[in-house]
């Protein structure tokens, strides 16, 4: 277990993200919508949002604006996964956070 944690730290990411991950800034909007990079976007049915502690967060409970996030889109262009980033994660380019083993 210790080796796994050390390996993740060596890559500079505690949370590996899937290959199609994008980076943006998010502001909550009336559910099921959110604003990403100034554009009104729709959350997909069953969308998941993880907070900075990697716990599931309800979309209606998120407060703040211009939150640094990583996110993915489904094949229809809706947002299906969102990760609220810590300041440390936000400083690392998204390309270095992607888990190439997870496709």
N, C-alpha and C. Protein backbone atom coordinates (compact mmCIF):
# COMPACT_ATOMS: atom_id res chain seq x y z
N UNK A 1 0.83 -1.20 0.00
CA UNK A 1 0.00 0.00 0.00
C UNK A 1 0.87 1.25 0.00
N UNK A 2 1.92 1.25 0.81
CA UNK A 2 2.81 2.40 0.89
C UNK A 2 3.46 2.68 -0.46
N UNK A 3 3.83 1.62 -1.17
CA UNK A 3 4.44 1.80 -2.48
C UNK A 3 3.47 2.43 -3.47
N UNK A 4 2.21 2.07 -3.39
CA UNK A 4 1.22 2.67 -4.28
C UNK A 4 1.08 4.15 -4.02
N UNK A 5 1.03 4.55 -2.76
CA UNK A 5 0.92 5.96 -2.42
C UNK A 5 2.17 6.72 -2.83
N UNK A 6 3.32 6.13 -2.64
CA UNK A 6 4.56 6.77 -3.05
C UNK A 6 4.61 6.93 -4.56
N UNK A 7 4.11 5.92 -5.28
CA UNK A 7 4.09 6.00 -6.74
C UNK A 7 3.20 7.11 -7.24
N UNK A 8 2.04 7.29 -6.61
CA UNK A 8 1.14 8.37 -7.00
C UNK A 8 1.77 9.71 -6.72
N UNK A 9 2.45 9.85 -5.59
CA UNK A 9 3.09 11.12 -5.25
C UNK A 9 4.23 11.43 -6.22
N UNK A 10 4.91 10.40 -6.69
CA UNK A 10 6.01 10.61 -7.63
C UNK A 10 5.50 11.19 -8.94
N UNK A 11 4.29 10.84 -9.33
CA UNK A 11 3.71 11.39 -10.55
C UNK A 11 3.12 12.77 -10.33
N UNK A 12 3.07 13.24 -9.09
CA UNK A 12 2.56 14.57 -8.81
C UNK A 12 1.05 14.65 -8.78
N UNK A 13 0.39 13.49 -8.66
CA UNK A 13 -1.07 13.51 -8.65
C UNK A 13 -1.58 12.47 -7.66
N UNK A 14 -2.42 12.89 -6.76
CA UNK A 14 -3.03 11.95 -5.83
C UNK A 14 -4.25 11.30 -6.46
N UNK A 15 -4.87 12.00 -7.38
CA UNK A 15 -6.06 11.47 -8.04
C UNK A 15 -5.77 11.36 -9.53
N UNK A 16 -5.67 10.17 -10.05
CA UNK A 16 -5.48 10.02 -11.50
C UNK A 16 -6.81 10.25 -12.22
N UNK A 17 -6.75 10.95 -13.32
CA UNK A 17 -7.95 11.29 -14.08
C UNK A 17 -7.95 10.53 -15.40
N UNK A 18 -9.13 10.18 -15.93
CA UNK A 18 -9.18 9.43 -17.19
C UNK A 18 -8.72 10.27 -18.38
N UNK A 19 -8.32 9.58 -19.44
CA UNK A 19 -7.71 10.20 -20.61
C UNK A 19 -8.48 11.37 -21.24
N UNK A 20 -9.81 11.39 -21.32
CA UNK A 20 -10.44 12.54 -21.98
C UNK A 20 -10.65 13.75 -21.06
N UNK A 21 -9.97 13.80 -19.92
CA UNK A 21 -10.18 14.89 -18.95
C UNK A 21 -9.79 16.24 -19.51
N UNK A 22 -10.63 17.23 -19.23
CA UNK A 22 -10.38 18.62 -19.61
C UNK A 22 -10.28 19.46 -18.35
N UNK A 23 -9.69 20.65 -18.44
CA UNK A 23 -9.55 21.57 -17.31
C UNK A 23 -10.39 22.80 -17.58
N UNK A 24 -10.98 23.35 -16.54
CA UNK A 24 -11.75 24.57 -16.69
C UNK A 24 -12.05 25.20 -15.35
N UNK A 25 -12.84 26.25 -15.39
CA UNK A 25 -13.33 26.88 -14.17
C UNK A 25 -14.84 26.72 -14.17
N UNK A 26 -15.38 26.39 -13.00
CA UNK A 26 -16.80 26.10 -12.88
C UNK A 26 -17.46 27.03 -11.89
N UNK A 27 -18.68 27.42 -12.22
CA UNK A 27 -19.54 28.17 -11.32
C UNK A 27 -20.87 27.43 -11.30
N UNK A 28 -21.40 27.14 -10.11
CA UNK A 28 -22.70 26.47 -10.06
C UNK A 28 -23.80 27.31 -10.72
N UNK A 29 -24.80 26.64 -11.22
CA UNK A 29 -25.98 27.27 -11.82
C UNK A 29 -27.19 26.44 -11.38
N UNK A 30 -28.39 26.90 -11.69
CA UNK A 30 -29.56 26.09 -11.32
C UNK A 30 -29.47 24.68 -11.92
N UNK A 31 -29.60 23.69 -11.06
CA UNK A 31 -29.50 22.29 -11.47
C UNK A 31 -30.50 21.97 -12.58
N UNK A 32 -30.11 21.26 -13.60
CA UNK A 32 -28.93 20.44 -13.83
C UNK A 32 -27.85 21.13 -14.65
N UNK A 33 -27.74 22.41 -14.55
CA UNK A 33 -26.75 23.12 -15.36
C UNK A 33 -25.63 23.63 -14.47
N UNK A 34 -24.47 23.85 -15.11
CA UNK A 34 -23.32 24.48 -14.48
C UNK A 34 -22.69 25.38 -15.53
N UNK A 35 -21.88 26.28 -15.09
CA UNK A 35 -21.16 27.15 -16.01
C UNK A 35 -19.70 26.71 -16.01
N UNK A 36 -19.19 26.34 -17.18
CA UNK A 36 -17.79 25.97 -17.34
C UNK A 36 -17.16 26.95 -18.32
N UNK A 37 -16.11 27.61 -17.86
CA UNK A 37 -15.40 28.59 -18.69
C UNK A 37 -16.35 29.62 -19.31
N UNK A 38 -17.32 30.06 -18.52
CA UNK A 38 -18.25 31.10 -18.95
C UNK A 38 -19.40 30.62 -19.82
N UNK A 39 -19.46 29.31 -20.12
CA UNK A 39 -20.54 28.78 -20.96
C UNK A 39 -21.48 27.93 -20.11
N UNK A 40 -22.76 28.11 -20.32
CA UNK A 40 -23.76 27.31 -19.63
C UNK A 40 -23.72 25.89 -20.21
N UNK A 41 -23.48 24.91 -19.33
CA UNK A 41 -23.39 23.51 -19.74
C UNK A 41 -24.37 22.69 -18.92
N UNK A 42 -24.69 21.52 -19.40
CA UNK A 42 -25.66 20.66 -18.73
C UNK A 42 -24.95 19.45 -18.13
N UNK A 43 -25.34 19.11 -16.89
CA UNK A 43 -24.86 17.87 -16.28
C UNK A 43 -25.67 16.71 -16.85
N UNK A 44 -25.01 15.61 -17.14
CA UNK A 44 -25.71 14.43 -17.65
C UNK A 44 -26.50 13.78 -16.50
N UNK A 45 -27.52 13.00 -16.84
CA UNK A 45 -28.19 12.23 -15.78
C UNK A 45 -27.16 11.31 -15.13
N UNK A 46 -27.11 11.30 -13.83
CA UNK A 46 -26.14 10.47 -13.11
C UNK A 46 -24.76 11.06 -13.03
N UNK A 47 -24.61 12.35 -13.37
CA UNK A 47 -23.30 13.00 -13.28
C UNK A 47 -22.77 12.91 -11.85
N UNK A 48 -21.45 12.79 -11.73
CA UNK A 48 -20.81 12.73 -10.42
C UNK A 48 -19.85 13.89 -10.26
N UNK A 49 -19.86 14.46 -9.07
CA UNK A 49 -18.95 15.55 -8.74
C UNK A 49 -18.20 15.15 -7.48
N UNK A 50 -16.86 15.19 -7.56
CA UNK A 50 -16.02 14.89 -6.41
C UNK A 50 -15.43 16.19 -5.88
N UNK A 51 -15.44 16.35 -4.56
CA UNK A 51 -14.84 17.55 -3.95
C UNK A 51 -13.33 17.35 -3.80
N UNK A 52 -12.68 18.31 -3.15
CA UNK A 52 -11.23 18.28 -2.99
C UNK A 52 -10.76 17.11 -2.12
N UNK A 53 -11.65 16.54 -1.32
CA UNK A 53 -11.32 15.37 -0.50
C UNK A 53 -11.68 14.08 -1.20
N UNK A 54 -12.05 14.16 -2.48
CA UNK A 54 -12.43 13.03 -3.31
C UNK A 54 -13.70 12.34 -2.81
N UNK A 55 -14.59 13.12 -2.22
CA UNK A 55 -15.89 12.62 -1.78
C UNK A 55 -16.95 13.15 -2.73
N UNK A 56 -17.99 12.36 -2.95
CA UNK A 56 -19.07 12.79 -3.84
C UNK A 56 -19.77 14.00 -3.25
N UNK A 57 -20.01 14.99 -4.07
CA UNK A 57 -20.65 16.25 -3.67
C UNK A 57 -21.94 16.40 -4.49
N UNK A 58 -23.00 16.81 -3.85
CA UNK A 58 -24.24 17.08 -4.56
C UNK A 58 -24.09 18.40 -5.33
N UNK A 59 -24.53 18.43 -6.56
CA UNK A 59 -24.39 19.63 -7.40
C UNK A 59 -25.04 20.84 -6.75
N UNK A 60 -26.15 20.64 -6.07
CA UNK A 60 -26.86 21.76 -5.46
C UNK A 60 -26.18 22.27 -4.19
N UNK A 61 -25.21 21.53 -3.67
CA UNK A 61 -24.51 21.94 -2.45
C UNK A 61 -23.23 22.72 -2.71
N UNK A 62 -22.81 22.81 -3.95
CA UNK A 62 -21.54 23.48 -4.28
C UNK A 62 -21.73 24.99 -4.22
N UNK A 63 -20.82 25.63 -3.54
CA UNK A 63 -20.84 27.09 -3.40
C UNK A 63 -19.54 27.67 -3.94
N UNK A 64 -19.59 28.88 -4.41
CA UNK A 64 -18.40 29.56 -4.91
C UNK A 64 -18.53 29.83 -6.40
N UNK A 65 -17.50 30.43 -6.95
CA UNK A 65 -17.50 30.71 -8.38
C UNK A 65 -16.08 30.58 -8.90
N UNK A 66 -15.98 30.35 -10.17
CA UNK A 66 -14.68 30.17 -10.82
C UNK A 66 -13.81 29.15 -10.10
N UNK A 67 -14.42 28.01 -9.79
CA UNK A 67 -13.72 26.92 -9.12
C UNK A 67 -12.89 26.14 -10.14
N UNK A 68 -11.64 25.87 -9.83
CA UNK A 68 -10.80 25.08 -10.73
C UNK A 68 -11.28 23.64 -10.72
N UNK A 69 -11.54 23.10 -11.91
CA UNK A 69 -12.06 21.74 -12.03
C UNK A 69 -11.40 20.99 -13.18
N UNK A 70 -11.39 19.68 -13.05
CA UNK A 70 -11.19 18.79 -14.17
C UNK A 70 -12.55 18.19 -14.46
N UNK A 71 -12.84 17.90 -15.72
CA UNK A 71 -14.15 17.35 -16.05
C UNK A 71 -14.07 16.50 -17.31
N UNK A 72 -15.07 15.66 -17.47
CA UNK A 72 -15.20 14.87 -18.70
C UNK A 72 -16.61 15.07 -19.25
N UNK A 73 -16.74 14.80 -20.54
CA UNK A 73 -18.02 14.92 -21.23
C UNK A 73 -18.44 13.54 -21.74
N UNK A 74 -19.74 13.32 -21.81
CA UNK A 74 -20.22 12.09 -22.43
C UNK A 74 -20.31 12.29 -23.94
N UNK A 75 -20.75 11.27 -24.66
CA UNK A 75 -20.79 11.35 -26.12
C UNK A 75 -21.79 12.38 -26.64
N UNK A 76 -22.71 12.84 -25.79
CA UNK A 76 -23.67 13.88 -26.20
C UNK A 76 -23.16 15.29 -25.88
N UNK A 77 -22.01 15.39 -25.25
CA UNK A 77 -21.45 16.68 -24.91
C UNK A 77 -21.84 17.20 -23.54
N UNK A 78 -22.62 16.41 -22.79
CA UNK A 78 -22.98 16.81 -21.42
C UNK A 78 -21.83 16.47 -20.47
N UNK A 79 -21.74 17.20 -19.38
CA UNK A 79 -20.71 16.97 -18.38
C UNK A 79 -21.12 15.77 -17.53
N UNK A 80 -20.28 14.74 -17.48
CA UNK A 80 -20.65 13.55 -16.71
C UNK A 80 -19.81 13.34 -15.46
N UNK A 81 -18.61 13.92 -15.40
CA UNK A 81 -17.77 13.81 -14.20
C UNK A 81 -17.05 15.13 -13.98
N UNK A 82 -17.03 15.56 -12.72
CA UNK A 82 -16.34 16.81 -12.34
C UNK A 82 -15.55 16.54 -11.08
N UNK A 83 -14.31 17.02 -11.07
CA UNK A 83 -13.47 16.95 -9.87
C UNK A 83 -13.11 18.38 -9.49
N UNK A 84 -13.52 18.81 -8.29
CA UNK A 84 -13.10 20.11 -7.76
C UNK A 84 -11.64 19.97 -7.34
N UNK A 85 -10.78 20.84 -7.82
CA UNK A 85 -9.35 20.69 -7.60
C UNK A 85 -8.87 21.46 -6.38
N UNK A 86 -7.86 20.90 -5.73
CA UNK A 86 -7.17 21.63 -4.67
C UNK A 86 -6.25 22.64 -5.36
N UNK A 87 -5.76 23.64 -4.64
CA UNK A 87 -4.82 24.59 -5.26
C UNK A 87 -3.57 23.88 -5.83
N UNK A 88 -3.10 22.85 -5.14
CA UNK A 88 -1.92 22.11 -5.62
C UNK A 88 -2.24 21.39 -6.93
N UNK A 89 -3.40 20.75 -7.02
CA UNK A 89 -3.79 20.05 -8.25
C UNK A 89 -3.98 21.04 -9.39
N UNK A 90 -4.52 22.20 -9.10
CA UNK A 90 -4.78 23.20 -10.14
C UNK A 90 -3.47 23.73 -10.75
N UNK A 91 -2.38 23.65 -10.00
CA UNK A 91 -1.08 24.12 -10.51
C UNK A 91 -0.43 23.11 -11.46
N UNK A 92 -0.85 21.86 -11.40
CA UNK A 92 -0.28 20.81 -12.26
C UNK A 92 -1.06 20.76 -13.57
N UNK A 93 -0.37 20.81 -14.71
CA UNK A 93 -1.10 20.72 -15.99
C UNK A 93 -1.91 19.42 -16.08
N UNK A 94 -3.09 19.52 -16.66
CA UNK A 94 -3.98 18.36 -16.73
C UNK A 94 -3.32 17.19 -17.46
N UNK A 95 -2.49 17.45 -18.43
CA UNK A 95 -1.82 16.38 -19.17
C UNK A 95 -0.96 15.52 -18.25
N UNK A 96 -0.43 16.09 -17.18
CA UNK A 96 0.40 15.32 -16.24
C UNK A 96 -0.44 14.59 -15.21
N UNK A 97 -1.73 14.86 -15.14
CA UNK A 97 -2.62 14.22 -14.18
C UNK A 97 -3.35 13.03 -14.76
N UNK A 98 -3.29 12.86 -16.05
CA UNK A 98 -4.06 11.80 -16.70
C UNK A 98 -3.40 10.45 -16.48
N UNK A 99 -4.19 9.48 -16.08
CA UNK A 99 -3.74 8.11 -15.87
C UNK A 99 -3.80 7.40 -17.21
N UNK A 100 -2.64 7.16 -17.79
CA UNK A 100 -2.59 6.53 -19.12
C UNK A 100 -2.99 5.06 -19.07
N UNK A 101 -3.01 4.45 -17.88
CA UNK A 101 -3.42 3.05 -17.76
C UNK A 101 -4.93 2.92 -17.73
N UNK A 102 -5.63 4.01 -17.46
CA UNK A 102 -7.09 4.00 -17.34
C UNK A 102 -7.70 4.51 -18.64
N UNK A 103 -8.26 3.67 -19.43
CA UNK A 103 -8.83 4.09 -20.72
C UNK A 103 -10.31 3.90 -20.73
